[in-house]
């Protein structure tokens, strides 16, 4: 009975795939479609996290990180070449994960390679964080300043492996600033889109992009865990976004 249900579910997914293909609409991931249809598929939490993630919204399917063949619903060929995270050669092994994520997230990956944390990770030190430590296994989350400070405290708290109580407080303060600038930039972008005069809109856009530069540098400094540089770039981003908001308010 279970086999019949599973066969029917796979058939439905296959028909959906064919329908989408004929309509020239690319499905996000055949892997995810099949795993959703299979009630016995493992790690439903992992699947649900992906479904709500920026990866799903941007058509980054399971195969992008895990490998496999998303265009077949036959179990063996669909899972061909997939290695579990405990395998040292797996792209989702914690040591290899930065390179896997870095195939899309180049800036953070390059910055992370310059960090002491990356050296710990590559030396097989279990205290060395990897991408999923802060961003989740596949949810692609951006931690709040409070949550990020709490994550840092797991190693840098007063009784942990690398006590630096000032670091936890510093991280929270800096990333609260980053979050504020991001919200201001988001608001500015929304306001710019409403400007009908093309010349003014282009001028605002140029100022917006100018403000984005130090913000990106601040985020990359955070991936290197160089907080003096993060503070400096954040300060510059705050000045530039304030100038942008003033520019728009005075017109």
Protein backbone atom coordinates (compact mmCIF):
# COMPACT_ATOMS: atom_id res chain seq x y z
CA UNK A 1 0.00 0.00 0.00
CA UNK A 2 2.78 2.41 0.94
CA UNK A 3 4.60 1.61 -2.29
CA UNK A 4 1.46 2.36 -4.29
CA UNK A 5 1.01 5.71 -2.52
CA UNK A 6 4.63 6.63 -3.10
CA UNK A 7 4.43 5.63 -6.76
CA UNK A 8 1.30 7.76 -7.19
CA UNK A 9 2.96 10.71 -5.47
CA UNK A 10 6.02 10.47 -7.70
CA UNK A 11 3.76 10.22 -10.75
CA UNK A 12 1.96 13.42 -9.74
CA UNK A 13 5.26 15.22 -9.27
CA UNK A 14 6.49 13.96 -12.65
CA UNK A 15 3.32 15.23 -14.32
CA UNK A 16 3.76 18.59 -12.61
CA UNK A 17 7.34 18.76 -13.85
CA UNK A 18 6.21 18.00 -17.42
CA UNK A 19 3.48 20.64 -17.21
CA UNK A 20 5.90 23.27 -15.95
CA UNK A 21 8.46 22.39 -18.59
CA UNK A 22 5.89 22.61 -21.37
CA UNK A 23 4.88 26.04 -20.08
CA UNK A 24 8.57 27.03 -20.04
CA UNK A 25 8.40 27.65 -16.30
CA UNK A 26 11.48 26.25 -14.53
CA UNK A 27 10.61 24.48 -11.29
CA UNK A 28 12.79 25.47 -8.37
CA UNK A 29 14.00 21.96 -7.55
CA UNK A 30 12.87 18.55 -8.69
CA UNK A 31 14.68 17.16 -5.64
CA UNK A 32 12.52 19.20 -3.28
CA UNK A 33 9.33 18.36 -5.19
CA UNK A 34 10.00 14.65 -4.84
CA UNK A 35 10.98 14.90 -1.17
CA UNK A 36 7.84 16.90 -0.40
CA UNK A 37 5.75 14.22 -2.10
CA UNK A 38 7.45 11.39 -0.23
CA UNK A 39 6.15 11.09 3.35
CA UNK A 40 9.14 8.92 4.27
CA UNK A 41 11.79 11.37 3.08
CA UNK A 42 14.32 12.22 5.83
CA UNK A 43 14.95 15.62 7.39
CA UNK A 44 11.64 17.33 6.71
CA UNK A 45 12.86 20.23 8.87
CA UNK A 46 15.77 20.72 6.46
CA UNK A 47 13.37 20.71 3.53
CA UNK A 48 10.97 23.18 5.15
CA UNK A 49 13.85 25.53 6.04
CA UNK A 50 14.95 25.52 2.41
CA UNK A 51 11.41 26.15 1.18
CA UNK A 52 11.21 29.37 3.23
CA UNK A 53 14.73 30.49 2.37
CA UNK A 54 16.21 33.02 -0.06
CA UNK A 55 17.68 30.01 -1.86
CA UNK A 56 14.22 28.73 -2.80
CA UNK A 57 13.05 32.23 -3.75
CA UNK A 58 16.05 32.59 -6.07
CA UNK A 59 15.70 29.15 -7.69
CA UNK A 60 18.77 27.69 -5.98
CA UNK A 61 17.79 24.02 -5.81
CA UNK A 62 19.06 21.22 -3.58
CA UNK A 63 21.41 19.96 -6.29
CA UNK A 64 23.38 23.21 -6.20
CA UNK A 65 24.91 22.17 -2.88
CA UNK A 66 24.28 18.44 -2.55
CA UNK A 67 24.75 17.32 -6.15
CA UNK A 68 22.53 14.63 -7.67
CA UNK A 69 20.21 14.76 -10.66
CA UNK A 70 17.05 16.85 -10.15
CA UNK A 71 15.57 15.81 -13.50
CA UNK A 72 14.80 12.22 -12.65
CA UNK A 73 12.50 10.67 -10.08
CA UNK A 74 14.27 7.31 -10.06
CA UNK A 75 15.94 7.08 -6.62
CA UNK A 76 19.32 5.69 -7.69
CA UNK A 77 20.15 8.12 -10.53
CA UNK A 78 18.56 11.01 -8.63
CA UNK A 79 20.95 10.48 -5.71
CA UNK A 80 24.02 9.48 -7.76
CA UNK A 81 27.19 11.06 -6.42
CA UNK A 82 25.60 12.58 -3.31
CA UNK A 83 27.83 12.31 -0.25
CA UNK A 84 26.74 12.77 3.34
CA UNK A 85 28.04 15.73 5.37
CA UNK A 86 30.35 13.47 7.40
CA UNK A 87 32.23 12.51 4.24
CA UNK A 88 35.38 14.64 3.91
CA UNK A 89 34.75 14.97 0.15
CA UNK A 90 31.17 16.14 0.45
CA UNK A 91 30.47 19.73 -0.64
CA UNK A 92 28.34 20.12 2.50
CA UNK A 93 31.02 18.80 4.87
CA UNK A 94 31.61 21.59 7.40
CA UNK A 95 35.19 22.16 6.15
CA UNK A 96 34.05 22.35 2.52
CA UNK A 97 30.91 24.36 3.11
CA UNK A 98 32.55 27.82 2.77
CA UNK A 99 33.78 26.93 -0.73
CA UNK A 100 30.34 25.57 -1.65
CA UNK A 101 28.56 28.68 -0.41
CA UNK A 102 31.32 30.84 -1.87
CA UNK A 103 30.46 29.72 -5.40
CA UNK A 104 27.63 32.28 -5.12
CA UNK A 105 28.62 34.37 -2.08
CA UNK A 106 32.07 35.32 -3.31
CA UNK A 107 32.71 38.41 -1.17
CA UNK A 108 31.90 36.83 2.21
CA UNK A 109 33.84 33.68 1.25
CA UNK A 110 36.99 35.61 0.30
CA UNK A 111 36.73 37.62 3.52
CA UNK A 112 36.12 34.54 5.67
CA UNK A 113 39.30 32.90 4.33
CA UNK A 114 41.31 35.72 5.91
CA UNK A 115 39.93 34.98 9.37
CA UNK A 116 41.31 33.05 12.31
CA UNK A 117 38.00 31.19 12.43
CA UNK A 118 38.61 29.82 8.92
CA UNK A 119 42.06 28.60 9.96
CA UNK A 120 40.50 26.79 12.92
CA UNK A 121 37.91 25.22 10.64
CA UNK A 122 40.48 24.00 8.14
CA UNK A 123 42.60 22.52 10.95
CA UNK A 124 39.63 20.31 11.91
CA UNK A 125 39.16 22.19 15.17
CA UNK A 126 35.49 21.66 16.04
CA UNK A 127 35.37 25.13 17.56
CA UNK A 128 36.02 26.65 14.15
CA UNK A 129 32.69 27.98 12.83
CA UNK A 130 31.46 27.38 9.32
CA UNK A 131 28.76 29.12 7.26
CA UNK A 132 25.91 27.13 8.79
CA UNK A 133 27.00 28.16 12.30
CA UNK A 134 25.54 31.62 11.77
CA UNK A 135 23.38 31.24 8.66
CA UNK A 136 21.71 27.87 9.20
CA UNK A 137 22.13 24.68 7.23
CA UNK A 138 20.22 25.97 4.23
CA UNK A 139 17.86 28.69 5.45
CA UNK A 140 20.32 31.46 4.53
CA UNK A 141 19.21 33.44 7.56
CA UNK A 142 20.81 36.67 8.69
CA UNK A 143 20.98 36.56 12.45
CA UNK A 144 19.78 39.49 14.51
CA UNK A 145 22.45 41.34 16.47
CA UNK A 146 21.19 39.72 19.68
CA UNK A 147 21.22 36.21 18.20
CA UNK A 148 24.66 36.72 16.67
CA UNK A 149 26.10 37.90 19.99
CA UNK A 150 24.58 34.85 21.64
CA UNK A 151 26.24 32.64 19.04
CA UNK A 152 29.60 34.29 19.72
CA UNK A 153 29.10 33.76 23.46
CA UNK A 154 29.14 29.99 22.93
CA UNK A 155 32.91 30.24 22.51
CA UNK A 156 33.70 33.73 23.79
CA UNK A 157 31.58 33.72 26.93
CA UNK A 158 33.23 34.00 30.37
CA UNK A 159 33.55 30.24 30.89
CA UNK A 160 34.00 29.03 27.31
CA UNK A 161 36.94 28.02 25.13
CA UNK A 162 38.11 31.52 24.17
CA UNK A 163 36.82 33.98 26.78
CA UNK A 164 36.48 37.53 25.45
CA UNK A 165 33.49 39.05 27.17
CA UNK A 166 34.07 42.40 25.43
CA UNK A 167 33.76 40.71 22.03
CA UNK A 168 30.17 39.61 22.64
CA UNK A 169 29.07 43.12 23.64
CA UNK A 170 31.03 44.64 20.75
CA UNK A 171 29.47 42.32 18.19
CA UNK A 172 25.95 43.10 19.35
CA UNK A 173 26.48 46.86 19.21
CA UNK A 174 28.09 46.78 15.78
CA UNK A 175 25.50 44.54 14.19
CA UNK A 176 22.68 46.60 15.64
CA UNK A 177 24.25 49.45 13.67
CA UNK A 178 24.46 47.30 10.54
CA UNK A 179 20.78 46.36 10.90
CA UNK A 180 19.79 50.02 11.28
CA UNK A 181 21.69 51.05 8.15
CA UNK A 182 20.17 48.17 6.20
CA UNK A 183 16.67 49.29 7.19
CA UNK A 184 17.47 52.87 6.18
CA UNK A 185 18.83 51.66 2.85
CA UNK A 186 15.71 49.57 2.29
CA UNK A 187 13.50 52.59 2.98
CA UNK A 188 15.62 54.77 0.71
CA UNK A 189 15.31 52.24 -2.11
CA UNK A 190 11.53 52.19 -1.75
CA UNK A 191 11.40 55.99 -1.88
CA UNK A 192 13.68 56.14 -4.91
CA UNK A 193 11.37 53.79 -6.83
CA UNK A 194 8.52 56.26 -6.33
CA UNK A 195 10.41 59.17 -7.91
CA UNK A 196 8.95 59.83 -11.34
CA UNK A 197 11.54 62.33 -12.54
CA UNK A 198 14.22 60.21 -14.20
CA UNK A 199 17.07 62.65 -13.64
CA UNK A 200 16.35 62.92 -9.92
CA UNK A 201 15.88 59.17 -9.63
CA UNK A 202 19.23 58.54 -11.31
CA UNK A 203 20.92 61.00 -8.95
CA UNK A 204 19.40 59.32 -5.90
CA UNK A 205 20.35 55.90 -7.24
CA UNK A 206 23.97 56.98 -7.63
CA UNK A 207 24.03 58.25 -4.04
CA UNK A 208 22.37 55.02 -2.88
CA UNK A 209 25.01 52.89 -4.62
CA UNK A 210 27.73 55.08 -3.10
CA UNK A 211 26.30 54.34 0.36
CA UNK A 212 26.14 50.62 -0.41
CA UNK A 213 29.92 50.39 -0.88
CA UNK A 214 31.02 50.90 2.75
CA UNK A 215 28.09 48.79 3.97
CA UNK A 216 29.30 45.88 1.84
CA UNK A 217 32.83 46.45 3.13
CA UNK A 218 31.53 46.43 6.70
CA UNK A 219 29.75 43.11 6.14
CA UNK A 220 32.88 41.59 4.60
CA UNK A 221 34.96 42.86 7.53
CA UNK A 222 32.49 41.05 9.77
CA UNK A 223 33.16 37.83 7.85
CA UNK A 224 36.85 38.37 8.60
CA UNK A 225 35.93 39.14 12.22
CA UNK A 226 37.94 42.36 12.03
CA UNK A 227 35.72 44.62 14.08
CA UNK A 228 37.79 47.80 13.97
CA UNK A 229 37.40 47.81 10.19
CA UNK A 230 33.72 46.93 10.52
CA UNK A 231 33.22 49.93 12.81
CA UNK A 232 35.06 52.26 10.44
CA UNK A 233 33.13 51.16 7.35
CA UNK A 234 29.84 51.18 9.23
CA UNK A 235 30.46 54.76 10.29
CA UNK A 236 31.07 55.75 6.67
CA UNK A 237 27.92 53.92 5.55
CA UNK A 238 25.90 55.73 8.24
CA UNK A 239 27.16 59.11 7.00
CA UNK A 240 26.41 58.32 3.38
CA UNK A 241 22.91 56.98 3.96
CA UNK A 242 22.14 60.03 6.15
CA UNK A 243 23.29 62.26 3.29
CA UNK A 244 21.03 60.33 0.91
CA UNK A 245 17.98 60.73 3.14
CA UNK A 246 18.74 64.46 3.53
CA UNK A 247 19.13 64.80 -0.24
CA UNK A 248 15.69 63.29 -0.84
CA UNK A 249 14.03 65.23 1.98
CA UNK A 250 15.23 68.57 0.58
CA UNK A 251 13.74 68.07 -2.87
